[in-house]
N, C-alpha and C. Protein backbone atom coordinates (compact mmCIF):
# COMPACT_ATOMS: atom_id res chain seq x y z
N UNK A 1 109.46 111.45 92.74
CA UNK A 1 108.39 111.75 91.82
C UNK A 1 107.07 111.73 92.57
N UNK A 2 106.24 112.68 92.24
CA UNK A 2 104.95 112.75 92.91
C UNK A 2 103.92 111.96 92.12
N UNK A 3 103.07 111.25 92.82
CA UNK A 3 102.00 110.48 92.18
C UNK A 3 100.80 111.40 92.02
N UNK A 4 100.49 111.75 90.78
CA UNK A 4 99.40 112.69 90.52
C UNK A 4 98.09 111.99 90.25
N UNK A 5 98.05 110.68 90.29
CA UNK A 5 96.82 109.95 90.01
C UNK A 5 95.77 110.20 91.08
N UNK A 6 96.19 110.46 92.28
CA UNK A 6 95.27 110.64 93.39
C UNK A 6 95.05 112.12 93.71
N UNK A 7 95.41 113.01 92.80
CA UNK A 7 95.27 114.44 93.05
C UNK A 7 93.81 114.84 93.11
N UNK A 8 93.52 115.79 93.97
CA UNK A 8 92.16 116.30 94.05
C UNK A 8 92.21 117.78 94.41
N UNK A 9 91.22 118.50 94.04
CA UNK A 9 91.17 119.92 94.29
C UNK A 9 90.65 120.16 95.70
N UNK A 10 91.50 120.61 96.59
CA UNK A 10 91.13 120.82 97.99
C UNK A 10 90.12 121.96 98.11
N UNK A 11 90.22 122.94 97.23
CA UNK A 11 89.29 124.06 97.30
C UNK A 11 87.85 123.59 97.09
N UNK A 12 87.65 122.63 96.19
CA UNK A 12 86.30 122.11 95.97
C UNK A 12 85.80 121.37 97.20
N UNK A 13 86.67 120.61 97.84
CA UNK A 13 86.28 119.88 99.04
C UNK A 13 85.92 120.86 100.14
N UNK A 14 86.73 121.91 100.30
CA UNK A 14 86.48 122.91 101.33
C UNK A 14 85.16 123.64 101.07
N UNK A 15 84.89 124.01 99.82
CA UNK A 15 83.65 124.73 99.53
C UNK A 15 82.43 123.82 99.70
N UNK A 16 82.58 122.53 99.38
CA UNK A 16 81.47 121.59 99.57
C UNK A 16 81.17 121.43 101.06
N UNK A 17 82.21 121.35 101.87
CA UNK A 17 82.02 121.22 103.32
C UNK A 17 81.38 122.49 103.87
N UNK A 18 81.82 123.64 103.39
CA UNK A 18 81.25 124.91 103.84
C UNK A 18 79.78 125.00 103.45
N UNK A 19 79.45 124.54 102.25
CA UNK A 19 78.06 124.57 101.81
C UNK A 19 77.18 123.72 102.71
N UNK A 20 77.67 122.54 103.09
CA UNK A 20 76.90 121.67 103.98
C UNK A 20 76.74 122.30 105.35
N UNK A 21 77.78 122.93 105.84
CA UNK A 21 77.69 123.58 107.16
C UNK A 21 76.69 124.73 107.11
N UNK A 22 76.79 125.53 106.05
CA UNK A 22 75.88 126.67 105.92
C UNK A 22 74.42 126.21 105.77
N UNK A 23 74.19 125.15 105.00
CA UNK A 23 72.82 124.70 104.81
C UNK A 23 72.26 124.09 106.09
N UNK A 24 73.10 123.45 106.89
CA UNK A 24 72.60 122.90 108.15
C UNK A 24 72.37 123.99 109.18
N UNK A 25 73.11 125.09 109.10
CA UNK A 25 72.91 126.21 110.02
C UNK A 25 71.73 127.09 109.61
N UNK A 26 71.30 127.01 108.36
CA UNK A 26 70.25 127.89 107.86
C UNK A 26 68.93 127.66 108.59
N UNK A 27 68.65 126.46 108.99
CA UNK A 27 67.39 126.18 109.66
C UNK A 27 67.42 126.41 111.16
N UNK A 28 68.50 126.94 111.70
CA UNK A 28 68.62 127.09 113.16
C UNK A 28 68.25 128.48 113.66
N UNK A 29 67.76 129.34 112.81
CA UNK A 29 67.33 130.65 113.29
C UNK A 29 68.20 131.76 112.77
N UNK A 30 67.78 132.98 113.02
CA UNK A 30 68.47 134.15 112.48
C UNK A 30 69.78 134.44 113.20
N UNK A 31 69.95 134.00 114.43
CA UNK A 31 71.19 134.25 115.15
C UNK A 31 72.36 133.55 114.46
N UNK A 32 72.11 132.33 114.00
CA UNK A 32 73.17 131.58 113.31
C UNK A 32 73.48 132.22 111.97
N UNK A 33 72.47 132.79 111.32
CA UNK A 33 72.69 133.36 110.01
C UNK A 33 73.44 134.69 110.11
N UNK A 34 73.23 135.47 111.14
CA UNK A 34 73.85 136.78 111.23
C UNK A 34 75.22 136.73 111.89
N UNK A 35 75.61 135.61 112.46
CA UNK A 35 76.90 135.52 113.12
C UNK A 35 78.01 135.54 112.07
N UNK A 36 79.07 136.31 112.31
CA UNK A 36 80.17 136.36 111.34
C UNK A 36 80.93 135.03 111.36
N UNK A 37 81.62 134.76 110.26
CA UNK A 37 82.40 133.53 110.17
C UNK A 37 83.54 133.56 111.18
N UNK A 38 83.86 132.43 111.72
CA UNK A 38 84.94 132.34 112.69
C UNK A 38 86.26 132.72 112.02
N UNK A 39 87.15 133.42 112.73
CA UNK A 39 88.42 133.83 112.11
C UNK A 39 89.23 132.64 111.62
N UNK A 40 89.17 131.51 112.30
CA UNK A 40 89.94 130.34 111.88
C UNK A 40 89.44 129.82 110.54
N UNK A 41 88.12 129.83 110.34
CA UNK A 41 87.57 129.36 109.07
C UNK A 41 87.96 130.30 107.94
N UNK A 42 87.91 131.59 108.17
CA UNK A 42 88.26 132.57 107.15
C UNK A 42 89.72 132.44 106.77
N UNK A 43 90.60 132.30 107.76
CA UNK A 43 92.03 132.18 107.50
C UNK A 43 92.33 130.88 106.76
N UNK A 44 91.65 129.80 107.15
CA UNK A 44 91.88 128.51 106.50
C UNK A 44 91.43 128.55 105.04
N UNK A 45 90.34 129.23 104.76
CA UNK A 45 89.83 129.31 103.40
C UNK A 45 90.76 130.14 102.51
N UNK A 46 91.45 131.14 103.08
CA UNK A 46 92.30 132.01 102.29
C UNK A 46 93.74 131.49 102.18
N UNK A 47 94.13 130.60 103.04
CA UNK A 47 95.50 130.10 103.06
C UNK A 47 95.74 129.21 101.83
N UNK A 48 96.83 129.44 101.15
CA UNK A 48 97.18 128.66 99.96
C UNK A 48 97.80 127.34 100.38
N UNK A 49 97.52 126.30 99.62
CA UNK A 49 98.10 124.99 99.88
C UNK A 49 99.55 124.98 99.36
N UNK A 50 100.39 124.22 100.02
CA UNK A 50 101.77 124.11 99.56
C UNK A 50 102.29 122.71 99.82
N UNK A 51 103.31 122.34 99.06
CA UNK A 51 103.94 121.04 99.20
C UNK A 51 105.44 121.28 99.30
N UNK A 52 106.08 120.62 100.24
CA UNK A 52 107.54 120.71 100.31
C UNK A 52 108.12 119.31 100.14
N UNK A 53 109.18 119.22 99.37
CA UNK A 53 109.82 117.95 99.09
C UNK A 53 111.09 117.88 99.91
N UNK A 54 111.26 116.79 100.63
CA UNK A 54 112.43 116.63 101.49
C UNK A 54 113.69 116.50 100.65
N UNK A 55 114.83 116.81 101.23
CA UNK A 55 116.09 116.65 100.49
C UNK A 55 116.30 115.20 100.05
N UNK A 56 115.87 114.25 100.86
CA UNK A 56 116.02 112.84 100.48
C UNK A 56 115.19 112.52 99.25
N UNK A 57 113.98 113.05 99.18
CA UNK A 57 113.13 112.82 98.01
C UNK A 57 113.73 113.47 96.77
N UNK A 58 114.31 114.65 96.93
CA UNK A 58 114.96 115.32 95.80
C UNK A 58 116.16 114.51 95.32
N UNK A 59 116.92 113.96 96.27
CA UNK A 59 118.08 113.15 95.91
C UNK A 59 117.64 111.89 95.17
N UNK A 60 116.58 111.27 95.66
CA UNK A 60 116.05 110.07 95.01
C UNK A 60 115.59 110.38 93.58
N UNK A 61 114.94 111.51 93.42
CA UNK A 61 114.47 111.91 92.09
C UNK A 61 115.67 112.14 91.16
N UNK A 62 116.74 112.75 91.68
CA UNK A 62 117.94 112.98 90.86
C UNK A 62 118.58 111.65 90.45
N UNK A 63 118.65 110.70 91.37
CA UNK A 63 119.23 109.39 91.07
C UNK A 63 118.39 108.68 90.01
N UNK A 64 117.07 108.76 90.14
CA UNK A 64 116.19 108.12 89.15
C UNK A 64 116.39 108.72 87.77
N UNK A 65 116.57 110.04 87.72
CA UNK A 65 116.80 110.71 86.44
C UNK A 65 118.12 110.26 85.84
N UNK A 66 119.16 110.18 86.67
CA UNK A 66 120.47 109.73 86.16
C UNK A 66 120.41 108.29 85.67
N UNK A 67 119.69 107.44 86.39
CA UNK A 67 119.57 106.04 85.97
C UNK A 67 118.83 105.93 84.65
N UNK A 68 117.82 106.76 84.45
CA UNK A 68 117.07 106.73 83.20
C UNK A 68 117.94 107.17 82.02
N UNK A 69 118.92 108.04 82.30
CA UNK A 69 119.80 108.54 81.25
C UNK A 69 120.98 107.60 80.95
N UNK A 70 121.18 106.59 81.80
CA UNK A 70 122.30 105.67 81.60
C UNK A 70 122.03 104.79 80.39
N UNK A 71 123.10 104.45 79.67
CA UNK A 71 122.91 103.58 78.50
C UNK A 71 122.56 102.16 78.92
N UNK A 72 121.97 101.44 77.99
CA UNK A 72 121.66 100.03 78.23
C UNK A 72 122.95 99.23 78.31
N UNK A 73 122.84 97.97 78.63
CA UNK A 73 124.00 97.09 78.74
C UNK A 73 124.66 96.97 77.37
N UNK A 74 125.98 97.10 77.36
CA UNK A 74 126.75 96.93 76.13
C UNK A 74 127.02 95.44 75.96
N UNK A 75 126.13 94.76 75.28
CA UNK A 75 126.21 93.31 75.15
C UNK A 75 127.49 92.87 74.44
N UNK A 76 127.97 93.68 73.50
CA UNK A 76 129.21 93.34 72.79
C UNK A 76 130.38 93.27 73.77
N UNK A 77 130.44 94.25 74.67
CA UNK A 77 131.53 94.28 75.67
C UNK A 77 131.40 93.10 76.63
N UNK A 78 130.19 92.77 77.03
CA UNK A 78 129.96 91.63 77.93
C UNK A 78 130.42 90.35 77.25
N UNK A 79 130.10 90.17 75.99
CA UNK A 79 130.50 88.97 75.26
C UNK A 79 132.02 88.88 75.14
N UNK A 80 132.68 90.03 74.89
CA UNK A 80 134.14 90.05 74.79
C UNK A 80 134.79 89.64 76.11
N UNK A 81 134.26 90.13 77.22
CA UNK A 81 134.82 89.79 78.54
C UNK A 81 134.59 88.31 78.84
N UNK A 82 133.40 87.81 78.53
CA UNK A 82 133.13 86.38 78.74
C UNK A 82 134.11 85.51 77.95
N UNK A 83 134.34 85.89 76.70
CA UNK A 83 135.26 85.12 75.86
C UNK A 83 136.68 85.19 76.43
N UNK A 84 137.11 86.36 76.88
CA UNK A 84 138.45 86.51 77.44
C UNK A 84 138.61 85.66 78.70
N UNK A 85 137.58 85.61 79.54
CA UNK A 85 137.63 84.78 80.75
C UNK A 85 137.72 83.31 80.37
N UNK A 86 136.89 82.88 79.41
CA UNK A 86 136.87 81.48 78.99
C UNK A 86 138.20 81.06 78.38
N UNK A 87 138.87 81.97 77.68
CA UNK A 87 140.14 81.66 77.02
C UNK A 87 141.35 81.91 77.91
N UNK A 88 141.12 82.44 79.11
CA UNK A 88 142.23 82.70 80.03
C UNK A 88 143.00 83.97 79.73
N UNK A 89 142.47 84.83 78.90
CA UNK A 89 143.14 86.09 78.54
C UNK A 89 142.78 87.24 79.47
N UNK A 90 141.78 87.08 80.29
CA UNK A 90 141.31 88.17 81.16
C UNK A 90 142.21 88.26 82.38
N UNK A 91 142.90 89.37 82.54
CA UNK A 91 143.81 89.57 83.65
C UNK A 91 143.18 90.55 84.65
N UNK A 92 143.29 90.23 85.92
CA UNK A 92 142.76 91.07 86.99
C UNK A 92 143.92 91.80 87.65
N UNK A 93 143.80 93.12 87.74
CA UNK A 93 144.80 93.94 88.42
C UNK A 93 144.32 94.14 89.86
N UNK A 94 144.92 93.46 90.84
CA UNK A 94 144.43 93.53 92.22
C UNK A 94 144.45 94.95 92.80
N UNK A 95 145.46 95.75 92.44
CA UNK A 95 145.52 97.12 92.95
C UNK A 95 144.38 97.97 92.41
N UNK A 96 144.11 97.82 91.12
CA UNK A 96 143.01 98.58 90.50
C UNK A 96 141.67 98.12 91.08
N UNK A 97 141.50 96.82 91.28
CA UNK A 97 140.27 96.29 91.87
C UNK A 97 140.06 96.84 93.28
N UNK A 98 141.12 96.84 94.09
CA UNK A 98 141.02 97.35 95.46
C UNK A 98 140.67 98.84 95.47
N UNK A 99 141.27 99.59 94.56
CA UNK A 99 140.98 101.03 94.47
C UNK A 99 139.52 101.26 94.07
N UNK A 100 139.03 100.49 93.11
CA UNK A 100 137.64 100.64 92.67
C UNK A 100 136.66 100.27 93.78
N UNK A 101 136.97 99.23 94.54
CA UNK A 101 136.09 98.84 95.66
C UNK A 101 136.07 99.95 96.72
N UNK A 102 137.23 100.50 97.04
CA UNK A 102 137.32 101.58 98.04
C UNK A 102 136.54 102.81 97.56
N UNK A 103 136.69 103.15 96.28
CA UNK A 103 135.95 104.30 95.74
C UNK A 103 134.45 104.07 95.79
N UNK A 104 134.03 102.86 95.48
CA UNK A 104 132.61 102.52 95.52
C UNK A 104 132.06 102.67 96.94
N UNK A 105 132.80 102.17 97.92
CA UNK A 105 132.36 102.28 99.32
C UNK A 105 132.31 103.74 99.76
N UNK A 106 133.26 104.55 99.32
CA UNK A 106 133.24 105.98 99.65
C UNK A 106 132.03 106.67 99.03
N UNK A 107 131.71 106.31 97.80
CA UNK A 107 130.53 106.87 97.15
C UNK A 107 129.25 106.51 97.90
N UNK A 108 129.18 105.27 98.36
CA UNK A 108 128.01 104.84 99.13
C UNK A 108 127.89 105.59 100.45
N UNK A 109 129.00 105.81 101.12
CA UNK A 109 128.95 106.51 102.40
C UNK A 109 128.60 107.99 102.20
N UNK A 110 128.95 108.56 101.04
CA UNK A 110 128.58 109.95 100.75
C UNK A 110 127.09 110.12 100.57
N UNK A 111 126.39 109.07 100.13
CA UNK A 111 124.95 109.15 99.94
C UNK A 111 124.21 109.24 101.26
N UNK A 112 124.79 108.73 102.31
CA UNK A 112 124.13 108.77 103.62
C UNK A 112 124.49 110.02 104.28
């Protein structure tokens, strides 16, 4: 996500700087006034600004969006599991647990 709080119009900054340069050159004689603008300044003034977002930033933005869409904690389910553990009814399937851990590690390695 881009932080837009610090956004500023670059064109205004560029024109303000150009105005200061032109006003300081105005008192230096007619040679400075009749000289054409440098090609670099003209090209810089006409060039459009652009922003590119890295693939990592795009991936982070996608993850943040998915996390925002995830449901809140299902407190009823948490309470049921706690009660089952306390009463000794909660059974752990070691094969299923091992498979889930392996899948989780594979998912993590895919992110890198």
